[in-house]
Amino acid sequence: MQRNIANTVIGLVAFMALLLGLLVHKVLSPTLLTREQLSENGLFVYDIPRRIADFQLTDQDGQPFTPAWFKGRWSLVYFGYTYCPDICPVTMATLRQFQQQLMKVDAAAAAQTQVAFISVDPQRDTPEKLKQYVRYFGADYTGATSDYINVFNLARQLNVAFGYQPQGSDGGYSVDHSGEVILINPEGHFHGFFKVPQDPGKMTLTFRSVLATWRTQIH
């Protein structure tokens, strides 16, 4: 009798452990979203990621910033400028919050991501200025820029628009620019973009879904 009770208890414990394991797995596993659900949560992805033509900018350390930088990791790219009074610092802070949330729920996914800030104001954003700016938001963030035509050509490929607006009579100006965060996949292709306004929680949800879908394909 005692042996039967013991076996029953062991069986129940094993069954409960199995249920708990399945529950934990379900909670920790990313939710697979349809393309429409991704868009509803702020991430637009292309049916076929777009190739990016060759380009060369200069990073905050004076080193070439080329398509090779994108290879092997997921990249989040934001075009802005260090004198931007509002949307740029807000977006960069949001990217930091997104990475922090992602680290908590999926450290492996967080390790696969990197952030680049591309300045659309090369006249004022020197490498030293860029380095100080991006490192305020993330010690591993990269800043890059070049002359107008090089930045413009890259921005155009990524559907980013920007233009200069004079301010005052002393030659000052601001820069109007798109606010989307560009998503580049590990093959270096334009995968999609996070729409304005970005939300760290929704970015975490949609990004994990994209990674899970990516893993199920031939990559």
N, C-alpha and C. Protein backbone atom coordinates (compact mmCIF):
# COMPACT_ATOMS: atom_id res chain seq x y z
N MET A 1 0.84 -1.21 0.00
CA MET A 1 0.00 0.00 0.00
C MET A 1 0.87 1.26 0.00
N GLN A 2 1.86 1.26 0.90
CA GLN A 2 2.74 2.42 0.98
C GLN A 2 3.52 2.62 -0.33
N ARG A 3 3.89 1.47 -0.95
CA ARG A 3 4.62 1.56 -2.22
C ARG A 3 3.74 2.17 -3.30
N ASN A 4 2.47 1.81 -3.32
CA ASN A 4 1.55 2.36 -4.31
C ASN A 4 1.35 3.85 -4.10
N ILE A 5 1.24 4.24 -2.84
CA ILE A 5 1.07 5.68 -2.54
C ILE A 5 2.31 6.45 -2.97
N ALA A 6 3.47 5.89 -2.67
CA ALA A 6 4.72 6.56 -3.05
C ALA A 6 4.83 6.71 -4.55
N ASN A 7 4.46 5.65 -5.28
CA ASN A 7 4.51 5.72 -6.74
C ASN A 7 3.54 6.75 -7.29
N THR A 8 2.37 6.83 -6.65
CA THR A 8 1.37 7.81 -7.07
C THR A 8 1.89 9.23 -6.85
N VAL A 9 2.49 9.45 -5.67
CA VAL A 9 3.04 10.78 -5.35
C VAL A 9 4.14 11.14 -6.33
N ILE A 10 5.02 10.18 -6.61
CA ILE A 10 6.12 10.45 -7.55
C ILE A 10 5.56 10.78 -8.93
N GLY A 11 4.53 10.04 -9.33
CA GLY A 11 3.92 10.30 -10.63
C GLY A 11 3.30 11.68 -10.70
N LEU A 12 2.60 12.05 -9.61
CA LEU A 12 1.99 13.39 -9.57
C LEU A 12 3.04 14.49 -9.61
N VAL A 13 4.12 14.30 -8.86
CA VAL A 13 5.20 15.29 -8.84
C VAL A 13 5.82 15.43 -10.22
N ALA A 14 6.04 14.29 -10.89
CA ALA A 14 6.63 14.33 -12.23
C ALA A 14 5.70 15.03 -13.21
N PHE A 15 4.37 14.74 -13.07
CA PHE A 15 3.40 15.37 -13.95
C PHE A 15 3.35 16.88 -13.73
N MET A 16 3.38 17.30 -12.45
CA MET A 16 3.36 18.73 -12.16
C MET A 16 4.64 19.41 -12.65
N ALA A 17 5.76 18.72 -12.54
CA ALA A 17 7.02 19.29 -13.04
C ALA A 17 6.96 19.47 -14.55
N LEU A 18 6.33 18.48 -15.24
CA LEU A 18 6.20 18.58 -16.68
C LEU A 18 5.33 19.77 -17.06
N LEU A 19 4.21 19.93 -16.36
CA LEU A 19 3.32 21.06 -16.63
C LEU A 19 4.02 22.39 -16.38
N LEU A 20 4.77 22.45 -15.28
CA LEU A 20 5.49 23.67 -14.95
C LEU A 20 6.53 23.98 -16.02
N GLY A 21 7.22 22.93 -16.48
CA GLY A 21 8.22 23.13 -17.52
C GLY A 21 7.61 23.64 -18.81
N LEU A 22 6.45 23.08 -19.16
CA LEU A 22 5.76 23.54 -20.37
C LEU A 22 5.29 24.97 -20.23
N LEU A 23 4.82 25.33 -19.03
CA LEU A 23 4.37 26.70 -18.79
C LEU A 23 5.52 27.69 -18.89
N VAL A 24 6.64 27.35 -18.27
CA VAL A 24 7.81 28.22 -18.31
C VAL A 24 8.30 28.38 -19.75
N HIS A 25 8.29 27.26 -20.48
CA HIS A 25 8.73 27.32 -21.89
C HIS A 25 7.82 28.23 -22.70
N LYS A 26 6.51 28.12 -22.45
CA LYS A 26 5.56 28.96 -23.19
C LYS A 26 5.75 30.43 -22.86
N VAL A 27 6.00 30.72 -21.57
CA VAL A 27 6.18 32.11 -21.15
C VAL A 27 7.45 32.70 -21.74
N LEU A 28 8.53 31.90 -21.76
CA LEU A 28 9.82 32.41 -22.22
C LEU A 28 9.95 32.40 -23.73
N SER A 29 9.17 31.56 -24.41
CA SER A 29 9.27 31.48 -25.86
C SER A 29 8.63 32.72 -26.51
N PRO A 30 9.24 33.22 -27.58
CA PRO A 30 8.66 34.39 -28.25
C PRO A 30 7.34 34.06 -28.91
N THR A 31 6.45 35.03 -28.95
CA THR A 31 5.18 34.88 -29.65
C THR A 31 5.40 35.11 -31.13
N LEU A 32 4.98 34.15 -31.95
CA LEU A 32 5.12 34.30 -33.39
C LEU A 32 3.95 35.12 -33.92
N LEU A 33 4.26 36.26 -34.49
CA LEU A 33 3.25 37.18 -34.98
C LEU A 33 3.19 37.15 -36.50
N THR A 34 1.99 37.36 -37.04
CA THR A 34 1.86 37.50 -38.48
C THR A 34 2.41 38.86 -38.91
N ARG A 35 2.58 39.04 -40.20
CA ARG A 35 3.07 40.32 -40.71
C ARG A 35 2.12 41.46 -40.31
N GLU A 36 0.82 41.16 -40.33
CA GLU A 36 -0.17 42.17 -39.95
C GLU A 36 -0.07 42.49 -38.46
N GLN A 37 0.14 41.47 -37.63
CA GLN A 37 0.27 41.70 -36.19
C GLN A 37 1.55 42.46 -35.86
N LEU A 38 2.61 42.17 -36.60
CA LEU A 38 3.85 42.93 -36.41
C LEU A 38 3.60 44.41 -36.69
N SER A 39 2.92 44.68 -37.81
CA SER A 39 2.65 46.07 -38.19
C SER A 39 1.76 46.75 -37.17
N GLU A 40 0.76 46.03 -36.65
CA GLU A 40 -0.13 46.60 -35.65
C GLU A 40 0.64 46.97 -34.37
N ASN A 41 1.74 46.27 -34.13
CA ASN A 41 2.56 46.53 -32.94
C ASN A 41 3.79 47.37 -33.25
N GLY A 42 3.79 48.01 -34.43
CA GLY A 42 4.81 49.01 -34.69
C GLY A 42 6.01 48.60 -35.52
N LEU A 43 6.04 47.35 -36.02
CA LEU A 43 7.18 46.92 -36.83
C LEU A 43 6.71 46.50 -38.21
N PHE A 44 7.17 47.21 -39.23
CA PHE A 44 6.88 46.84 -40.61
C PHE A 44 8.06 46.04 -41.15
N VAL A 45 7.78 44.86 -41.71
CA VAL A 45 8.84 44.05 -42.31
C VAL A 45 8.52 43.81 -43.78
N TYR A 46 9.55 43.77 -44.59
CA TYR A 46 9.38 43.54 -46.02
C TYR A 46 9.20 42.05 -46.30
N ASP A 47 8.44 41.74 -47.35
CA ASP A 47 8.30 40.36 -47.78
C ASP A 47 9.67 39.79 -48.15
N ILE A 48 10.42 40.59 -48.86
CA ILE A 48 11.80 40.22 -49.23
C ILE A 48 12.71 41.36 -48.79
N PRO A 49 13.60 41.12 -47.82
CA PRO A 49 14.52 42.17 -47.36
C PRO A 49 15.30 42.77 -48.53
N ARG A 50 15.56 44.07 -48.45
CA ARG A 50 16.19 44.80 -49.55
C ARG A 50 17.72 44.87 -49.38
N ARG A 51 18.40 44.61 -50.46
CA ARG A 51 19.86 44.73 -50.44
C ARG A 51 20.27 46.21 -50.34
N ILE A 52 21.38 46.46 -49.68
CA ILE A 52 21.89 47.82 -49.51
C ILE A 52 23.15 47.97 -50.35
N ALA A 53 23.15 48.96 -51.23
CA ALA A 53 24.32 49.20 -52.07
C ALA A 53 25.50 49.65 -51.22
N ASP A 54 26.69 49.50 -51.76
CA ASP A 54 27.90 49.84 -51.04
C ASP A 54 27.91 51.31 -50.62
N PHE A 55 28.46 51.56 -49.46
CA PHE A 55 28.58 52.93 -48.95
C PHE A 55 29.78 52.99 -48.02
N GLN A 56 30.23 54.17 -47.70
CA GLN A 56 31.29 54.34 -46.71
C GLN A 56 31.11 55.64 -45.97
N LEU A 57 30.91 55.51 -44.66
CA LEU A 57 30.87 56.66 -43.76
C LEU A 57 32.09 56.56 -42.86
N THR A 58 32.15 57.42 -41.86
CA THR A 58 33.25 57.39 -40.89
C THR A 58 32.64 57.33 -39.49
N ASP A 59 33.14 56.41 -38.66
CA ASP A 59 32.56 56.28 -37.33
C ASP A 59 33.18 57.25 -36.34
N GLN A 60 32.77 57.15 -35.08
CA GLN A 60 33.19 58.10 -34.06
C GLN A 60 34.68 57.99 -33.71
N ASP A 61 35.31 56.92 -34.15
CA ASP A 61 36.74 56.75 -33.91
C ASP A 61 37.57 57.04 -35.15
N GLY A 62 36.91 57.59 -36.19
CA GLY A 62 37.61 57.90 -37.42
C GLY A 62 37.85 56.71 -38.32
N GLN A 63 37.17 55.58 -38.04
CA GLN A 63 37.33 54.37 -38.83
C GLN A 63 36.20 54.25 -39.86
N PRO A 64 36.44 53.54 -40.97
CA PRO A 64 35.40 53.36 -41.98
C PRO A 64 34.18 52.64 -41.41
N PHE A 65 33.02 53.13 -41.77
CA PHE A 65 31.75 52.50 -41.42
C PHE A 65 31.12 52.08 -42.73
N THR A 66 31.12 50.76 -43.00
CA THR A 66 30.72 50.21 -44.29
C THR A 66 29.67 49.13 -44.10
N PRO A 67 29.14 48.54 -45.18
CA PRO A 67 28.16 47.46 -45.04
C PRO A 67 28.66 46.29 -44.20
N ALA A 68 29.95 46.11 -44.11
CA ALA A 68 30.51 45.00 -43.33
C ALA A 68 30.10 45.10 -41.86
N TRP A 69 29.84 46.33 -41.38
CA TRP A 69 29.46 46.54 -39.98
C TRP A 69 28.17 45.81 -39.65
N PHE A 70 27.29 45.64 -40.63
CA PHE A 70 26.00 45.04 -40.39
C PHE A 70 26.03 43.51 -40.36
N LYS A 71 27.06 42.91 -40.93
CA LYS A 71 27.07 41.47 -41.11
C LYS A 71 27.22 40.72 -39.79
N GLY A 72 26.38 39.70 -39.61
CA GLY A 72 26.51 38.79 -38.48
C GLY A 72 25.66 39.13 -37.27
N ARG A 73 25.07 40.33 -37.23
CA ARG A 73 24.22 40.71 -36.10
C ARG A 73 23.02 41.50 -36.62
N TRP A 74 21.98 41.57 -35.79
CA TRP A 74 20.85 42.43 -36.10
C TRP A 74 21.22 43.86 -35.72
N SER A 75 20.92 44.80 -36.60
CA SER A 75 21.29 46.19 -36.37
C SER A 75 20.06 47.08 -36.33
N LEU A 76 20.03 47.97 -35.35
CA LEU A 76 19.01 49.00 -35.27
C LEU A 76 19.70 50.32 -35.59
N VAL A 77 19.22 50.99 -36.63
CA VAL A 77 19.88 52.19 -37.13
C VAL A 77 18.93 53.37 -37.05
N TYR A 78 19.43 54.46 -36.48
CA TYR A 78 18.62 55.66 -36.36
C TYR A 78 19.36 56.85 -36.95
N PHE A 79 18.67 57.61 -37.80
CA PHE A 79 19.24 58.80 -38.41
C PHE A 79 18.77 60.03 -37.62
N GLY A 80 19.72 60.83 -37.16
CA GLY A 80 19.38 62.03 -36.40
C GLY A 80 20.58 62.95 -36.33
N TYR A 81 20.62 63.80 -35.31
CA TYR A 81 21.77 64.69 -35.15
C TYR A 81 21.88 65.10 -33.69
N THR A 82 23.06 65.41 -33.24
CA THR A 82 23.30 65.60 -31.82
C THR A 82 22.66 66.88 -31.28
N TYR A 83 22.39 67.85 -32.15
CA TYR A 83 21.75 69.10 -31.71
C TYR A 83 20.23 68.99 -31.68
N CYS A 84 19.71 67.86 -32.04
CA CYS A 84 18.27 67.63 -32.05
C CYS A 84 17.73 67.78 -30.62
N PRO A 85 16.71 68.62 -30.43
CA PRO A 85 16.26 68.92 -29.07
C PRO A 85 15.28 67.93 -28.47
N ASP A 86 14.67 67.07 -29.28
CA ASP A 86 13.59 66.25 -28.72
C ASP A 86 13.57 64.81 -29.21
N ILE A 87 13.18 64.59 -30.47
CA ILE A 87 12.93 63.22 -30.92
C ILE A 87 14.17 62.34 -30.89
N CYS A 88 15.34 62.92 -31.16
CA CYS A 88 16.57 62.11 -31.19
C CYS A 88 16.93 61.56 -29.81
N PRO A 89 17.04 62.39 -28.78
CA PRO A 89 17.36 61.83 -27.46
C PRO A 89 16.27 60.90 -26.94
N VAL A 90 15.01 61.19 -27.25
CA VAL A 90 13.92 60.31 -26.83
C VAL A 90 14.05 58.95 -27.49
N THR A 91 14.32 58.94 -28.79
CA THR A 91 14.45 57.68 -29.51
C THR A 91 15.65 56.88 -29.05
N MET A 92 16.77 57.55 -28.84
CA MET A 92 17.97 56.85 -28.38
C MET A 92 17.76 56.25 -26.99
N ALA A 93 17.06 56.98 -26.13
CA ALA A 93 16.74 56.45 -24.79
C ALA A 93 15.80 55.25 -24.91
N THR A 94 14.88 55.31 -25.86
CA THR A 94 13.96 54.20 -26.09
C THR A 94 14.71 52.95 -26.55
N LEU A 95 15.69 53.13 -27.40
CA LEU A 95 16.51 52.00 -27.85
C LEU A 95 17.25 51.36 -26.68
N ARG A 96 17.75 52.20 -25.78
CA ARG A 96 18.43 51.68 -24.60
C ARG A 96 17.45 50.87 -23.73
N GLN A 97 16.25 51.40 -23.54
CA GLN A 97 15.24 50.70 -22.75
C GLN A 97 14.85 49.38 -23.41
N PHE A 98 14.72 49.41 -24.73
CA PHE A 98 14.40 48.18 -25.47
C PHE A 98 15.47 47.12 -25.24
N GLN A 99 16.74 47.50 -25.36
CA GLN A 99 17.80 46.52 -25.16
C GLN A 99 17.83 45.99 -23.73
N GLN A 100 17.53 46.84 -22.77
CA GLN A 100 17.49 46.41 -21.38
C GLN A 100 16.36 45.41 -21.14
N GLN A 101 15.19 45.68 -21.72
CA GLN A 101 14.07 44.76 -21.59
C GLN A 101 14.37 43.43 -22.29
N LEU A 102 14.97 43.53 -23.47
CA LEU A 102 15.32 42.33 -24.22
C LEU A 102 16.32 41.47 -23.45
N MET A 103 17.27 42.10 -22.80
CA MET A 103 18.26 41.38 -22.02
C MET A 103 17.61 40.58 -20.89
N LYS A 104 16.57 41.12 -20.29
CA LYS A 104 15.89 40.45 -19.19
C LYS A 104 15.15 39.19 -19.62
N VAL A 105 14.57 39.24 -20.82
CA VAL A 105 13.75 38.10 -21.26
C VAL A 105 14.47 37.19 -22.24
N ASP A 106 15.51 37.68 -22.90
CA ASP A 106 16.20 36.88 -23.91
C ASP A 106 17.61 37.43 -24.11
N ALA A 107 18.51 37.02 -23.24
CA ALA A 107 19.88 37.53 -23.28
C ALA A 107 20.58 37.18 -24.59
N ALA A 108 20.26 36.01 -25.14
CA ALA A 108 20.88 35.60 -26.40
C ALA A 108 20.48 36.54 -27.53
N ALA A 109 19.21 36.92 -27.55
CA ALA A 109 18.74 37.85 -28.58
C ALA A 109 19.38 39.22 -28.40
N ALA A 110 19.50 39.66 -27.15
CA ALA A 110 20.12 40.96 -26.89
C ALA A 110 21.57 40.98 -27.36
N ALA A 111 22.25 39.85 -27.21
CA ALA A 111 23.65 39.77 -27.63
C ALA A 111 23.79 39.83 -29.15
N GLN A 112 22.68 39.59 -29.87
CA GLN A 112 22.72 39.59 -31.33
C GLN A 112 22.40 40.97 -31.92
N THR A 113 22.19 41.97 -31.08
CA THR A 113 21.78 43.28 -31.58
C THR A 113 22.86 44.33 -31.37
N GLN A 114 22.88 45.31 -32.25
CA GLN A 114 23.78 46.44 -32.13
C GLN A 114 23.07 47.69 -32.62
N VAL A 115 23.51 48.85 -32.15
CA VAL A 115 22.84 50.11 -32.46
C VAL A 115 23.80 51.08 -33.13
N ALA A 116 23.31 51.71 -34.21
CA ALA A 116 24.10 52.74 -34.90
C ALA A 116 23.28 54.01 -35.01
N PHE A 117 23.92 55.14 -34.72
CA PHE A 117 23.32 56.46 -34.87
C PHE A 117 24.02 57.14 -36.03
N ILE A 118 23.28 57.42 -37.11
CA ILE A 118 23.85 58.06 -38.29
C ILE A 118 23.48 59.54 -38.26
N SER A 119 24.47 60.40 -38.22
CA SER A 119 24.21 61.83 -38.16
C SER A 119 23.91 62.40 -39.55
N VAL A 120 22.82 63.17 -39.63
CA VAL A 120 22.47 63.86 -40.87
C VAL A 120 22.97 65.31 -40.82
N ASP A 121 23.86 65.59 -39.87
CA ASP A 121 24.40 66.94 -39.69
C ASP A 121 25.93 66.89 -39.61
N PRO A 122 26.58 66.44 -40.70
CA PRO A 122 28.04 66.27 -40.65
C PRO A 122 28.81 67.57 -40.42
N GLN A 123 28.20 68.70 -40.72
CA GLN A 123 28.89 69.98 -40.54
C GLN A 123 29.21 70.24 -39.07
N ARG A 124 28.29 69.83 -38.17
CA ARG A 124 28.50 70.09 -36.74
C ARG A 124 28.86 68.83 -35.96
N ASP A 125 28.45 67.67 -36.45
CA ASP A 125 28.68 66.44 -35.69
C ASP A 125 30.02 65.82 -36.06
N THR A 126 31.05 66.30 -35.40
CA THR A 126 32.40 65.76 -35.58
C THR A 126 32.47 64.38 -34.93
N PRO A 127 33.50 63.59 -35.26
CA PRO A 127 33.66 62.29 -34.61
C PRO A 127 33.67 62.39 -33.08
N GLU A 128 34.34 63.41 -32.56
CA GLU A 128 34.40 63.58 -31.11
C GLU A 128 33.01 63.85 -30.52
N LYS A 129 32.25 64.70 -31.21
CA LYS A 129 30.90 65.02 -30.76
C LYS A 129 30.00 63.79 -30.81
N LEU A 130 30.12 63.02 -31.89
CA LEU A 130 29.32 61.81 -32.04
C LEU A 130 29.65 60.79 -30.95
N LYS A 131 30.92 60.64 -30.67
CA LYS A 131 31.33 59.65 -29.67
C LYS A 131 30.75 60.00 -28.30
N GLN A 132 30.85 61.24 -27.93
CA GLN A 132 30.30 61.69 -26.65
C GLN A 132 28.79 61.46 -26.60
N TYR A 133 28.13 61.71 -27.71
CA TYR A 133 26.68 61.61 -27.75
C TYR A 133 26.21 60.15 -27.65
N VAL A 134 26.73 59.28 -28.52
CA VAL A 134 26.23 57.90 -28.53
C VAL A 134 26.61 57.15 -27.26
N ARG A 135 27.79 57.44 -26.70
CA ARG A 135 28.22 56.72 -25.51
C ARG A 135 27.40 57.13 -24.28
N TYR A 136 26.73 58.26 -24.35
CA TYR A 136 25.83 58.65 -23.26
C TYR A 136 24.68 57.67 -23.16
N PHE A 137 24.23 57.14 -24.30
CA PHE A 137 23.09 56.22 -24.30
C PHE A 137 23.52 54.76 -24.20
N GLY A 138 24.67 54.43 -24.75
CA GLY A 138 25.14 53.06 -24.68
C GLY A 138 26.63 52.96 -24.92
N ALA A 139 27.32 52.27 -24.03
CA ALA A 139 28.79 52.19 -24.12
C ALA A 139 29.24 51.51 -25.40
N ASP A 140 28.37 50.68 -25.99
CA ASP A 140 28.74 49.96 -27.19
C ASP A 140 28.06 50.51 -28.44
N TYR A 141 27.41 51.65 -28.35
CA TYR A 141 26.74 52.24 -29.50
C TYR A 141 27.76 52.84 -30.46
N THR A 142 27.42 52.83 -31.73
CA THR A 142 28.30 53.37 -32.76
C THR A 142 27.66 54.59 -33.41
N GLY A 143 28.43 55.64 -33.58
CA GLY A 143 27.98 56.82 -34.30
C GLY A 143 28.77 56.94 -35.59
N ALA A 144 28.13 57.42 -36.64
CA ALA A 144 28.83 57.56 -37.92
C ALA A 144 28.20 58.68 -38.74
N THR A 145 28.98 59.24 -39.65
CA THR A 145 28.48 60.25 -40.57
C THR A 145 29.47 60.37 -41.73
N SER A 146 29.18 61.29 -42.64
CA SER A 146 30.07 61.57 -43.78
C SER A 146 29.59 62.88 -44.38
N ASP A 147 30.07 63.20 -45.56
CA ASP A 147 29.56 64.40 -46.20
C ASP A 147 28.11 64.17 -46.63
N TYR A 148 27.47 65.25 -47.01
CA TYR A 148 26.04 65.20 -47.27
C TYR A 148 25.64 64.12 -48.27
N ILE A 149 26.33 64.03 -49.39
CA ILE A 149 25.91 63.13 -50.45
C ILE A 149 25.98 61.67 -50.02
N ASN A 150 27.01 61.30 -49.24
CA ASN A 150 27.13 59.92 -48.78
C ASN A 150 26.03 59.56 -47.79
N VAL A 151 25.75 60.49 -46.86
CA VAL A 151 24.68 60.24 -45.90
C VAL A 151 23.34 60.19 -46.62
N PHE A 152 23.13 61.10 -47.57
CA PHE A 152 21.88 61.14 -48.32
C PHE A 152 21.65 59.84 -49.09
N ASN A 153 22.68 59.33 -49.75
CA ASN A 153 22.54 58.11 -50.55
C ASN A 153 22.18 56.91 -49.68
N LEU A 154 22.76 56.81 -48.49
CA LEU A 154 22.41 55.72 -47.59
C LEU A 154 21.00 55.91 -47.05
N ALA A 155 20.69 57.12 -46.65
CA ALA A 155 19.35 57.41 -46.11
C ALA A 155 18.27 57.09 -47.15
N ARG A 156 18.52 57.43 -48.38
CA ARG A 156 17.53 57.17 -49.44
C ARG A 156 17.27 55.68 -49.60
N GLN A 157 18.32 54.87 -49.50
CA GLN A 157 18.15 53.42 -49.60
C GLN A 157 17.28 52.87 -48.47
N LEU A 158 17.32 53.54 -47.33
CA LEU A 158 16.59 53.07 -46.16
C LEU A 158 15.29 53.85 -45.93
N ASN A 159 14.86 54.57 -46.97
CA ASN A 159 13.60 55.33 -46.93
C ASN A 159 13.57 56.38 -45.82
N VAL A 160 14.72 56.96 -45.55
CA VAL A 160 14.83 58.02 -44.55
C VAL A 160 14.97 59.36 -45.26
N ALA A 161 14.15 60.32 -44.87
CA ALA A 161 14.22 61.66 -45.48
C ALA A 161 14.74 62.66 -44.45
N PHE A 162 15.48 63.65 -44.92
CA PHE A 162 15.90 64.74 -44.03
C PHE A 162 16.14 66.00 -44.84
N GLY A 163 16.03 67.16 -44.18
CA GLY A 163 16.22 68.44 -44.84
C GLY A 163 16.56 69.50 -43.82
N TYR A 164 17.26 70.54 -44.25
CA TYR A 164 17.73 71.59 -43.36
C TYR A 164 16.78 72.78 -43.35
N GLN A 165 16.55 73.31 -42.15
CA GLN A 165 15.65 74.45 -41.97
C GLN A 165 16.40 75.60 -41.30
N PRO A 166 16.54 76.74 -41.99
CA PRO A 166 17.25 77.89 -41.38
C PRO A 166 16.53 78.37 -40.12
N GLN A 167 17.34 78.83 -39.16
CA GLN A 167 16.79 79.38 -37.91
C GLN A 167 17.53 80.67 -37.56
N GLY A 168 16.78 81.74 -37.40
CA GLY A 168 17.39 83.01 -37.01
C GLY A 168 18.18 83.63 -38.15
N SER A 169 18.91 84.67 -37.81
CA SER A 169 19.68 85.41 -38.81
C SER A 169 21.18 85.19 -38.68
N ASP A 170 21.56 84.29 -37.80
CA ASP A 170 22.99 84.06 -37.57
C ASP A 170 23.52 82.82 -38.29
N GLY A 171 22.73 82.29 -39.23
CA GLY A 171 23.18 81.11 -39.97
C GLY A 171 22.87 79.80 -39.30
N GLY A 172 22.14 79.84 -38.19
CA GLY A 172 21.78 78.61 -37.50
C GLY A 172 20.74 77.82 -38.28
N TYR A 173 20.60 76.55 -37.96
CA TYR A 173 19.62 75.72 -38.66
C TYR A 173 19.27 74.50 -37.80
N SER A 174 18.12 73.93 -38.12
CA SER A 174 17.73 72.65 -37.55
C SER A 174 17.61 71.66 -38.70
N VAL A 175 17.40 70.40 -38.37
CA VAL A 175 17.29 69.38 -39.41
C VAL A 175 16.00 68.59 -39.19
N ASP A 176 15.10 68.67 -40.16
CA ASP A 176 13.91 67.83 -40.13
C ASP A 176 14.29 66.45 -40.67
N HIS A 177 13.84 65.39 -40.01
CA HIS A 177 14.22 64.05 -40.47
C HIS A 177 13.19 63.02 -40.04
N SER A 178 13.19 61.90 -40.72
CA SER A 178 12.30 60.79 -40.38
C SER A 178 12.64 60.25 -38.99
N GLY A 179 11.64 59.64 -38.34
CA GLY A 179 11.86 59.14 -36.98
C GLY A 179 11.87 57.64 -36.85
N GLU A 180 11.78 56.91 -37.97
CA GLU A 180 11.75 55.46 -37.89
C GLU A 180 13.11 54.89 -37.47
N VAL A 181 13.07 53.75 -36.80
CA VAL A 181 14.29 53.01 -36.47
C VAL A 181 14.42 51.87 -37.48
N ILE A 182 15.50 51.87 -38.23
CA ILE A 182 15.70 50.90 -39.30
C ILE A 182 16.22 49.58 -38.73
N LEU A 183 15.67 48.47 -39.24
CA LEU A 183 16.11 47.14 -38.82
C LEU A 183 16.86 46.47 -39.97
N ILE A 184 18.13 46.15 -39.73
CA ILE A 184 18.98 45.48 -40.72
C ILE A 184 19.26 44.06 -40.22
N ASN A 185 19.05 43.07 -41.07
CA ASN A 185 19.27 41.69 -40.63
C ASN A 185 20.75 41.29 -40.71
N PRO A 186 21.11 40.12 -40.17
CA PRO A 186 22.53 39.73 -40.12
C PRO A 186 23.18 39.53 -41.48
N GLU A 187 22.39 39.48 -42.54
CA GLU A 187 22.96 39.40 -43.87
C GLU A 187 23.26 40.78 -44.44
N GLY A 188 22.93 41.81 -43.66
CA GLY A 188 23.19 43.17 -44.09
C GLY A 188 22.12 43.74 -44.99
N HIS A 189 20.90 43.16 -44.94
CA HIS A 189 19.80 43.61 -45.79
C HIS A 189 18.78 44.40 -44.97
N PHE A 190 18.14 45.34 -45.62
CA PHE A 190 17.11 46.19 -45.02
C PHE A 190 15.87 45.33 -44.76
N HIS A 191 15.66 44.94 -43.51
CA HIS A 191 14.62 43.98 -43.15
C HIS A 191 13.26 44.64 -42.90
N GLY A 192 13.30 45.86 -42.33
CA GLY A 192 12.05 46.57 -42.02
C GLY A 192 12.36 47.78 -41.16
N PHE A 193 11.33 48.29 -40.49
CA PHE A 193 11.56 49.45 -39.63
C PHE A 193 10.50 49.53 -38.53
N PHE A 194 10.92 50.06 -37.39
CA PHE A 194 10.03 50.32 -36.26
C PHE A 194 9.42 51.70 -36.46
N LYS A 195 8.09 51.73 -36.52
CA LYS A 195 7.39 52.98 -36.81
C LYS A 195 7.35 53.91 -35.60
N VAL A 196 7.08 55.17 -35.87
CA VAL A 196 6.97 56.20 -34.83
C VAL A 196 5.55 56.18 -34.27
N PRO A 197 5.37 56.29 -32.93
CA PRO A 197 6.41 56.34 -31.90
C PRO A 197 6.81 54.92 -31.49
N GLN A 198 8.06 54.75 -31.13
CA GLN A 198 8.52 53.44 -30.70
C GLN A 198 8.20 53.21 -29.22
N ASP A 199 7.90 51.96 -28.91
CA ASP A 199 7.61 51.56 -27.53
C ASP A 199 8.50 50.38 -27.19
N PRO A 200 9.29 50.45 -26.11
CA PRO A 200 10.23 49.37 -25.79
C PRO A 200 9.57 48.00 -25.66
N GLY A 201 8.38 47.95 -25.02
CA GLY A 201 7.70 46.68 -24.85
C GLY A 201 7.27 46.07 -26.17
N LYS A 202 6.69 46.87 -27.04
CA LYS A 202 6.26 46.37 -28.35
C LYS A 202 7.46 46.02 -29.22
N MET A 203 8.54 46.77 -29.09
CA MET A 203 9.75 46.45 -29.85
C MET A 203 10.29 45.10 -29.43
N THR A 204 10.27 44.82 -28.14
CA THR A 204 10.74 43.53 -27.64
C THR A 204 9.88 42.40 -28.18
N LEU A 205 8.58 42.58 -28.14
CA LEU A 205 7.64 41.57 -28.63
C LEU A 205 7.86 41.28 -30.10
N THR A 206 7.89 42.31 -30.91
CA THR A 206 7.99 42.12 -32.36
C THR A 206 9.38 41.64 -32.78
N PHE A 207 10.41 42.16 -32.14
CA PHE A 207 11.77 41.76 -32.50
C PHE A 207 12.00 40.28 -32.20
N ARG A 208 11.53 39.81 -31.07
CA ARG A 208 11.70 38.39 -30.73
C ARG A 208 10.95 37.50 -31.71
N SER A 209 9.79 37.99 -32.17
CA SER A 209 9.04 37.23 -33.17
C SER A 209 9.82 37.13 -34.48
N VAL A 210 10.42 38.25 -34.90
CA VAL A 210 11.20 38.26 -36.13
C VAL A 210 12.38 37.30 -36.01
N LEU A 211 13.06 37.31 -34.88
CA LEU A 211 14.20 36.41 -34.69
C LEU A 211 13.77 34.95 -34.73
N ALA A 212 12.63 34.66 -34.10
CA ALA A 212 12.14 33.27 -34.08
C ALA A 212 11.80 32.81 -35.50
N THR A 213 11.16 33.69 -36.26
CA THR A 213 10.83 33.36 -37.65
C THR A 213 12.09 33.17 -38.47
N TRP A 214 13.06 34.04 -38.24
CA TRP A 214 14.35 33.95 -38.95
C TRP A 214 15.02 32.61 -38.71
N ARG A 215 14.98 32.14 -37.44
CA ARG A 215 15.63 30.87 -37.09
C ARG A 215 14.96 29.67 -37.77
N THR A 216 13.64 29.77 -38.01
CA THR A 216 12.92 28.65 -38.59
C THR A 216 13.15 28.55 -40.10
N GLN A 217 13.74 29.59 -40.68
CA GLN A 217 14.03 29.57 -42.10
C GLN A 217 15.41 28.97 -42.33
N ILE A 218 15.97 29.17 -43.47
CA ILE A 218 17.21 28.49 -43.82
C ILE A 218 18.44 29.07 -43.19
N HIS A 219 18.26 30.20 -42.41
CA HIS A 219 19.43 30.87 -41.84
C HIS A 219 19.99 30.02 -40.72
